[in-house]
Structure formats: C-alpha cells, structure tokens
Amino acid sequence: MATANKNLSQYDKTKLPSAKDFRFGIVVSEWNDQVTEGLCKGAFDALLDCGVRNENIIRWNVPGSFELIYGAKRMIKTQNVDCVITIGCVIKGETMHFEFVCEGVTQGIKDLNVVSDVPVIFCVLTDNTEQQSIDRSGGIHGNKGTEAAIAAIKMAYLRKTSGSQKAVVGFK
C-alpha cells in the first residue's frame, strides 16, 4: 500500500517557495462530504500555514467528483488563479459506476492540465472502502488534502517561473 507507514500531512516549509502572492482555487465535491470536507480542511490549513492569504483562496462546491472538471475549468477562466486543487472521493461499490467515474475524472483533470496554462491538482480519493478514505482525509495516514496543497504551491511556482528558473544539467 502506497500510504502504509506514511503520514501525508508532513512537509517542510523551508523547502517550499513563497506562496504569499499566489491565488488558489479549491473545487470540492459534495458527495462523500465527510471525506471531502476533511481533505478541504487539510488543503486550506496547509495553504494558510505556508503564507497564502485567506482572501487568495477561493472555494467552490460541485455536486460530485465528475463535476470537478467543469468546476475547475470555470474557475480557471473566471477567477485568475495560479493553481486549482480538485477535491473528491469515489468509493468502490457493487457496480461499474466507480470505474467510469474514476476514469472520467482522471482523464478530465489530465486534459485540463494539457490545454490550460493553470495547473490542476488531482486530490480525488479512489478507495475500496469508506474507512480507507477517512484514513487519508485526516485519519491515521494524515491528509491527502495537505499533500495536494503542497503540490499546488510547487506547481504555482513552476508556472510563474517557467523559463526563468535555473535548469539542472546532469544527474548525480
């Protein structure tokens, strides 16, 4: 298991770029809200902890994970954000619905990253059980929302500095 013995909430602020001047969007699915609210809290708290001003964090709710794609697309077009975090939770059931939603959301968010200049962070839990999702949204494995916020800061920085950052040549 990828998250076994790993707390997703741990990060070192000293190794992150300054986030104080960035604007972030968070699009949150209302479905499985016990999980998505925990993920959103983790993302929001981490952004604040890393210096993002409260007024530079915009939250929109959408009905379900499939709607995250449209919400993120509209946020990019209308809110002048540096990065969008999409937060959702799909829990496997007895039908193929799980596979269809997970594949559609994954491909849709990937497509937004291909066609837009604004990075979109994928924070959609796709677990077999509700307990697995709870464990990753503020439970025993920390909070995947926190991890998404740290990724968002790094991607917002990459977006702002593309072409001007020092290139790494060669590997050690």
C-alpha atoms as a PDB file:
ATOM      1  CA  MET A   1       0.000   0.000   0.000  1.00  0.00           C
ATOM      2  CA  ALA A   2       1.431   3.366  -1.077  1.00  0.00           C
ATOM      3  CA  THR A   3       0.435   5.160   2.133  1.00  0.00           C
ATOM      4  CA  ALA A   4       1.405   2.460   4.620  1.00  0.00           C
ATOM      5  CA  ASN A   5       3.587   3.968   7.342  1.00  0.00           C
ATOM      6  CA  LYS A   6       3.402   7.381   5.668  1.00  0.00           C
ATOM      7  CA  ASN A   7       1.766  10.497   7.069  1.00  0.00           C
ATOM      8  CA  LEU A   8       0.605  12.621   4.155  1.00  0.00           C
ATOM      9  CA  SER A   9       0.466  15.766   6.270  1.00  0.00           C
ATOM     10  CA  GLN A  10       4.209  16.146   6.804  1.00  0.00           C
ATOM     11  CA  TYR A  11       6.056  18.843   4.873  1.00  0.00           C
ATOM     12  CA  ASP A  12       8.980  21.188   5.405  1.00  0.00           C
ATOM     13  CA  LYS A  13       8.018  24.835   4.785  1.00  0.00           C
ATOM     14  CA  THR A  14      11.678  25.800   4.492  1.00  0.00           C
ATOM     15  CA  LYS A  15      11.934  23.765   1.282  1.00  0.00           C
ATOM     16  CA  LEU A  16       8.928  25.419  -0.374  1.00  0.00           C
ATOM     17  CA  PRO A  17       8.809  28.568  -2.483  1.00  0.00           C
ATOM     18  CA  SER A  18       6.999  31.571  -1.054  1.00  0.00           C
ATOM     19  CA  ALA A  19       3.254  31.236  -1.590  1.00  0.00           C
ATOM     20  CA  LYS A  20       2.163  34.615  -0.214  1.00  0.00           C
ATOM     21  CA  ASP A  21       1.397  36.175  -3.603  1.00  0.00           C
ATOM     22  CA  PHE A  22      -0.369  33.209  -5.215  1.00  0.00           C
ATOM     23  CA  ARG A  23      -4.139  32.741  -5.662  1.00  0.00           C
ATOM     24  CA  PHE A  24      -5.519  29.239  -5.303  1.00  0.00           C
ATOM     25  CA  GLY A  25      -8.835  27.722  -6.223  1.00  0.00           C
ATOM     26  CA  ILE A  26     -10.272  24.709  -4.456  1.00  0.00           C
ATOM     27  CA  VAL A  27     -13.155  22.862  -6.105  1.00  0.00           C
ATOM     28  CA  VAL A  28     -14.800  20.430  -3.681  1.00  0.00           C
ATOM     29  CA  SER A  29     -17.221  17.607  -4.378  1.00  0.00           C
ATOM     30  CA  GLU A  30     -20.210  17.497  -2.022  1.00  0.00           C
ATOM     31  CA  TRP A  31     -20.504  13.722  -2.467  1.00  0.00           C
ATOM     32  CA  ASN A  32     -18.875  11.784   0.416  1.00  0.00           C
ATOM     33  CA  ASP A  33     -18.649  15.094   2.272  1.00  0.00           C
ATOM     34  CA  GLN A  34     -17.307  13.544   5.477  1.00  0.00           C
ATOM     35  CA  VAL A  35     -14.178  12.816   3.466  1.00  0.00           C
ATOM     36  CA  THR A  36     -14.095  15.817   1.109  1.00  0.00           C
ATOM     37  CA  GLU A  37     -14.550  18.322   3.949  1.00  0.00           C
ATOM     38  CA  GLY A  38     -11.563  16.759   5.737  1.00  0.00           C
ATOM     39  CA  LEU A  39      -9.492  16.958   2.569  1.00  0.00           C
ATOM     40  CA  CYS A  40     -10.509  20.578   2.016  1.00  0.00           C
ATOM     41  CA  LYS A  41      -9.594  21.483   5.594  1.00  0.00           C
ATOM     42  CA  GLY A  42      -6.176  19.876   5.129  1.00  0.00           C
ATOM     43  CA  ALA A  43      -5.581  21.817   1.904  1.00  0.00           C
ATOM     44  CA  PHE A  44      -6.869  25.116   3.304  1.00  0.00           C
ATOM     45  CA  ASP A  45      -4.858  24.847   6.538  1.00  0.00           C
ATOM     46  CA  ALA A  46      -1.654  23.966   4.674  1.00  0.00           C
ATOM     47  CA  LEU A  47      -2.054  26.890   2.274  1.00  0.00           C
ATOM     48  CA  LEU A  48      -2.551  29.292   5.181  1.00  0.00           C
ATOM     49  CA  ASP A  49       0.381  27.751   7.053  1.00  0.00           C
ATOM     50  CA  CYS A  50       2.586  28.344   4.011  1.00  0.00           C
ATOM     51  CA  GLY A  51       1.725  32.032   3.833  1.00  0.00           C
ATOM     52  CA  VAL A  52      -1.222  32.196   1.443  1.00  0.00           C
ATOM     53  CA  ARG A  53      -3.639  34.945   2.439  1.00  0.00           C
ATOM     54  CA  ASN A  54      -7.178  33.824   3.245  1.00  0.00           C
ATOM     55  CA  GLU A  55      -8.623  36.139   0.591  1.00  0.00           C
ATOM     56  CA  ASN A  56      -6.423  34.423  -2.027  1.00  0.00           C
ATOM     57  CA  ILE A  57      -8.129  31.060  -1.528  1.00  0.00           C
ATOM     58  CA  ILE A  58     -11.377  30.602  -3.456  1.00  0.00           C
ATOM     59  CA  ARG A  59     -13.633  27.626  -2.766  1.00  0.00           C
ATOM     60  CA  TRP A  60     -16.397  26.345  -4.990  1.00  0.00           C
ATOM     61  CA  ASN A  61     -18.578  23.309  -4.323  1.00  0.00           C
ATOM     62  CA  VAL A  62     -19.845  20.952  -7.010  1.00  0.00           C
ATOM     63  CA  PRO A  63     -22.310  18.053  -6.594  1.00  0.00           C
ATOM     64  CA  GLY A  64     -19.931  15.154  -7.259  1.00  0.00           C
ATOM     65  CA  SER A  65     -16.460  14.178  -8.395  1.00  0.00           C
ATOM     66  CA  PHE A  66     -17.429  14.075 -12.073  1.00  0.00           C
ATOM     67  CA  GLU A  67     -18.377  17.762 -11.863  1.00  0.00           C
ATOM     68  CA  LEU A  68     -14.904  18.716 -10.577  1.00  0.00           C
ATOM     69  CA  ILE A  69     -13.712  19.005 -14.178  1.00  0.00           C
ATOM     70  CA  TYR A  70     -16.253  21.636 -15.169  1.00  0.00           C
ATOM     71  CA  GLY A  71     -15.823  23.497 -11.864  1.00  0.00           C
ATOM     72  CA  ALA A  72     -12.050  23.635 -12.323  1.00  0.00           C
ATOM     73  CA  LYS A  73     -12.398  24.748 -15.941  1.00  0.00           C
ATOM     74  CA  ARG A  74     -14.771  27.596 -14.988  1.00  0.00           C
ATOM     75  CA  MET A  75     -12.549  28.619 -12.076  1.00  0.00           C
ATOM     76  CA  ILE A  76      -9.530  28.850 -14.380  1.00  0.00           C
ATOM     77  CA  LYS A  77     -11.491  31.014 -16.831  1.00  0.00           C
ATOM     78  CA  THR A  78     -13.077  33.377 -14.301  1.00  0.00           C
ATOM     79  CA  GLN A  79     -11.045  33.632 -11.097  1.00  0.00           C
ATOM     80  CA  ASN A  80      -7.454  34.489 -12.103  1.00  0.00           C
ATOM     81  CA  VAL A  81      -5.955  31.656 -10.034  1.00  0.00           C
ATOM     82  CA  ASP A  82      -2.398  30.343 -10.160  1.00  0.00           C
ATOM     83  CA  CYS A  83      -3.453  26.759  -9.454  1.00  0.00           C
ATOM     84  CA  VAL A  84      -6.639  24.777  -8.806  1.00  0.00           C
ATOM     85  CA  ILE A  85      -6.977  21.871  -6.378  1.00  0.00           C
ATOM     86  CA  THR A  86      -9.790  19.441  -7.179  1.00  0.00           C
ATOM     87  CA  ILE A  87     -11.055  17.513  -4.144  1.00  0.00           C
ATOM     88  CA  GLY A  88     -13.282  14.486  -4.414  1.00  0.00           C
ATOM     89  CA  CYS A  89     -13.877  10.978  -3.146  1.00  0.00           C
ATOM     90  CA  VAL A  90     -15.164   7.961  -5.033  1.00  0.00           C
ATOM     91  CA  ILE A  91     -15.667   4.771  -3.007  1.00  0.00           C
ATOM     92  CA  LYS A  92     -15.951   1.440  -4.792  1.00  0.00           C
ATOM     93  CA  GLY A  93     -19.397  -0.061  -4.802  1.00  0.00           C
ATOM     94  CA  GLU A  94     -21.029  -3.080  -6.364  1.00  0.00           C
ATOM     95  CA  THR A  95     -21.369  -1.664  -9.896  1.00  0.00           C
ATOM     96  CA  MET A  96     -19.093  -0.351 -12.650  1.00  0.00           C
ATOM     97  CA  HIS A  97     -20.016   3.235 -11.702  1.00  0.00           C
ATOM     98  CA  PHE A  98     -16.783   3.508  -9.677  1.00  0.00           C
ATOM     99  CA  GLU A  99     -14.602   2.686 -12.681  1.00  0.00           C
ATOM    100  CA  PHE A 100     -16.463   5.037 -15.030  1.00  0.00           C
ATOM    101  CA  VAL A 101     -16.343   7.984 -12.636  1.00  0.00           C
ATOM    102  CA  CYS A 102     -12.709   7.439 -11.659  1.00  0.00           C
ATOM    103  CA  GLU A 103     -11.553   7.119 -15.266  1.00  0.00           C
ATOM    104  CA  GLY A 104     -13.594  10.111 -16.418  1.00  0.00           C
ATOM    105  CA  VAL A 105     -12.402  12.373 -13.613  1.00  0.00           C
ATOM    106  CA  THR A 106      -8.785  11.302 -14.037  1.00  0.00           C
ATOM    107  CA  GLN A 107      -8.845  11.893 -17.790  1.00  0.00           C
ATOM    108  CA  GLY A 108     -10.758  15.167 -17.449  1.00  0.00           C
ATOM    109  CA  ILE A 109      -8.312  16.647 -14.966  1.00  0.00           C
ATOM    110  CA  LYS A 110      -5.406  15.424 -17.074  1.00  0.00           C
ATOM    111  CA  ASP A 111      -6.985  17.134 -20.081  1.00  0.00           C
ATOM    112  CA  LEU A 112      -7.265  20.422 -18.183  1.00  0.00           C
ATOM    113  CA  ASN A 113      -3.549  20.232 -17.431  1.00  0.00           C
ATOM    114  CA  VAL A 114      -2.817  19.680 -21.108  1.00  0.00           C
ATOM    115  CA  VAL A 115      -4.976  22.505 -22.504  1.00  0.00           C
ATOM    116  CA  SER A 116      -4.655  25.133 -19.772  1.00  0.00           C
ATOM    117  CA  ASP A 117      -1.746  27.172 -18.517  1.00  0.00           C
ATOM    118  CA  VAL A 118      -3.091  26.844 -14.952  1.00  0.00           C
ATOM    119  CA  PRO A 119      -2.108  23.615 -13.155  1.00  0.00           C
ATOM    120  CA  VAL A 120      -4.905  21.464 -11.751  1.00  0.00           C
ATOM    121  CA  ILE A 121      -4.054  19.232  -8.806  1.00  0.00           C
ATOM    122  CA  PHE A 122      -5.768  15.850  -8.568  1.00  0.00           C
ATOM    123  CA  CYS A 123      -6.903  15.238  -4.987  1.00  0.00           C
ATOM    124  CA  VAL A 124      -9.571  12.645  -5.643  1.00  0.00           C
ATOM    125  CA  LEU A 125      -9.510   9.629  -3.359  1.00  0.00           C
ATOM    126  CA  THR A 126     -10.438   6.406  -5.150  1.00  0.00           C
ATOM    127  CA  ASP A 127     -10.659   3.895  -2.333  1.00  0.00           C
ATOM    128  CA  ASN A 128     -12.223   0.495  -1.860  1.00  0.00           C
ATOM    129  CA  THR A 129     -13.830   1.389   1.477  1.00  0.00           C
ATOM    130  CA  GLU A 130     -15.052   4.448   3.325  1.00  0.00           C
ATOM    131  CA  GLN A 131     -12.545   3.718   6.102  1.00  0.00           C
ATOM    132  CA  GLN A 132      -9.651   3.936   3.641  1.00  0.00           C
ATOM    133  CA  SER A 133     -10.893   7.377   2.605  1.00  0.00           C
ATOM    134  CA  ILE A 134     -11.296   8.519   6.215  1.00  0.00           C
ATOM    135  CA  ASP A 135      -7.758   7.319   6.958  1.00  0.00           C
ATOM    136  CA  ARG A 136      -6.436   9.592   4.170  1.00  0.00           C
ATOM    137  CA  SER A 137      -8.532  12.676   4.903  1.00  0.00           C
ATOM    138  CA  GLY A 138      -7.302  13.459   8.410  1.00  0.00           C
ATOM    139  CA  GLY A 139      -7.096   9.937   9.833  1.00  0.00           C
ATOM    140  CA  ILE A 140      -4.205   7.579  10.513  1.00  0.00           C
ATOM    141  CA  HIS A 141      -2.456   8.335   7.217  1.00  0.00           C
ATOM    142  CA  GLY A 142      -2.673  12.108   7.614  1.00  0.00           C
ATOM    143  CA  ASN A 143      -4.396  14.188   4.986  1.00  0.00           C
ATOM    144  CA  LYS A 144      -4.110  13.908   1.234  1.00  0.00           C
ATOM    145  CA  GLY A 145      -5.559  17.437   1.018  1.00  0.00           C
ATOM    146  CA  THR A 146      -2.436  18.734   2.735  1.00  0.00           C
ATOM    147  CA  GLU A 147      -0.288  16.947   0.197  1.00  0.00           C
ATOM    148  CA  ALA A 148      -2.348  18.459  -2.629  1.00  0.00           C
ATOM    149  CA  ALA A 149      -1.833  21.967  -1.237  1.00  0.00           C
ATOM    150  CA  ILE A 150       1.938  21.488  -1.142  1.00  0.00           C
ATOM    151  CA  ALA A 151       1.858  20.210  -4.737  1.00  0.00           C
ATOM    152  CA  ALA A 152      -0.253  23.255  -5.684  1.00  0.00           C
ATOM    153  CA  ILE A 153       2.302  25.659  -4.206  1.00  0.00           C
ATOM    154  CA  LYS A 154       5.112  23.973  -6.125  1.00  0.00           C
ATOM    155  CA  MET A 155       3.139  23.982  -9.373  1.00  0.00           C
ATOM    156  CA  ALA A 156       2.055  27.621  -8.986  1.00  0.00           C
ATOM    157  CA  TYR A 157       5.718  28.497  -8.515  1.00  0.00           C
ATOM    158  CA  LEU A 158       6.716  26.465 -11.588  1.00  0.00           C
ATOM    159  CA  ARG A 159       4.025  28.245 -13.609  1.00  0.00           C
ATOM    160  CA  LYS A 160       5.267  31.690 -12.552  1.00  0.00           C
ATOM    161  CA  THR A 161       8.941  30.903 -13.091  1.00  0.00           C
ATOM    162  CA  SER A 162       8.820  28.711 -16.216  1.00  0.00           C
ATOM    163  CA  GLY A 163      11.680  29.620 -18.459  1.00  0.00           C
ATOM    164  CA  SER A 164      13.410  31.703 -15.809  1.00  0.00           C
ATOM    165  CA  GLN A 165      14.368  29.064 -13.282  1.00  0.00           C
ATOM    166  CA  LYS A 166      17.818  27.581 -13.259  1.00  0.00           C
ATOM    167  CA  ALA A 167      17.968  24.332 -15.214  1.00  0.00           C
ATOM    168  CA  VAL A 168      19.518  21.255 -13.658  1.00  0.00           C
ATOM    169  CA  VAL A 169      22.007  19.721 -16.050  1.00  0.00           C
ATOM    170  CA  GLY A 170      23.059  16.123 -15.488  1.00  0.00           C
ATOM    171  CA  PHE A 171      22.370  13.797 -12.595  1.00  0.00           C
ATOM    172  CA  LYS A 172      24.488  12.617  -9.719  1.00  0.00           C
END
